[in-house]
Protein backbone atom coordinates (compact mmCIF):
# COMPACT_ATOMS: atom_id res chain seq x y z
CA MET A 1 171.38 75.90 84.58
CA ARG A 2 170.57 72.26 83.83
CA LEU A 3 172.35 71.00 86.93
CA GLY A 4 170.30 73.41 89.03
CA LEU A 5 167.07 72.20 87.46
CA TYR A 6 167.98 68.55 87.97
CA SER A 7 168.88 69.29 91.59
CA ALA A 8 165.61 71.16 92.17
CA ALA A 9 163.63 68.30 90.64
CA GLY A 10 165.48 65.84 92.86
CA LEU A 11 164.80 67.92 95.95
CA ALA A 12 161.12 68.29 95.05
CA SER A 13 160.67 64.57 94.46
CA GLY A 14 162.46 63.78 97.73
CA LEU A 15 160.23 66.25 99.58
CA PHE A 16 157.03 64.84 98.10
CA TYR A 17 158.14 61.28 98.79
CA SER A 18 159.01 62.05 102.41
CA ILE A 19 155.65 63.79 102.95
CA ILE A 20 153.84 60.73 101.60
CA VAL A 21 155.89 58.20 103.57
CA PHE A 22 156.19 60.03 106.89
CA GLN A 23 152.84 61.28 108.14
CA GLU A 24 153.97 62.52 111.56
CA MET A 25 155.81 65.84 111.79
CA HIS A 26 158.73 64.79 114.03
CA VAL A 27 159.50 61.82 111.78
CA LEU A 28 159.06 63.99 108.67
CA VAL A 29 161.81 66.36 109.79
CA GLU A 30 164.35 63.59 110.49
CA GLY A 31 163.44 61.31 107.59
CA GLY A 32 162.71 64.17 105.23
CA LEU A 33 166.23 65.51 105.51
CA LEU A 34 167.58 62.08 104.72
CA PHE A 35 165.37 61.74 101.63
CA LEU A 36 166.21 65.28 100.50
CA GLY A 37 169.91 64.50 100.70
CA LEU A 38 169.58 61.17 98.95
CA SER A 39 167.39 62.58 96.19
CA LEU A 40 169.83 65.46 95.65
CA ILE A 41 172.71 63.01 95.32
CA ALA A 42 170.69 60.76 92.98
CA SER A 43 169.65 63.61 90.69
CA THR A 44 173.22 64.93 90.51
CA VAL A 45 174.63 61.50 89.69
CA TYR A 46 171.92 60.98 87.05
CA TYR A 47 172.75 64.32 85.46
CA HIS A 48 176.45 63.51 85.23
CA VAL A 49 175.78 60.05 83.82
CA LEU A 50 173.52 61.66 81.23
CA LEU A 51 176.29 64.10 80.30
CA VAL A 52 178.79 61.27 79.80
CA VAL A 53 176.37 59.16 77.76
CA THR A 54 175.45 62.14 75.57
CA TRP A 55 179.10 63.06 75.08
CA ARG A 56 180.03 59.49 74.09
CA SER A 57 177.05 59.22 71.77
CA ASN A 58 177.93 62.47 69.99
CA ARG A 59 181.56 61.39 69.72
CA ARG A 60 180.59 58.05 68.18
CA GLU A 61 178.23 59.80 65.76
CA ASN A 62 181.03 62.10 64.64
CA GLN A 63 183.38 59.16 64.15
CA LEU A 64 180.81 57.34 62.01
CA ARG A 65 180.18 60.49 59.98
CA ASP A 66 183.91 60.88 59.34
CA ILE A 67 184.17 57.27 58.11
CA MET A 68 181.39 57.73 55.58
């Protein structure tokens, strides 16, 4: 569910950015697809980095709790 939401947010931001940057329709189609792809990749990478950071943080918290 979360990965889908991050991907949708990435696609939406890429779409809005490409509409702002490319004013002409023929350039919007070509450049828009590029920005949609890049934003999808960026949001997916961000989500996975967030998962790893959260996992490591929780693991460290548990280790500190066990020591005390």
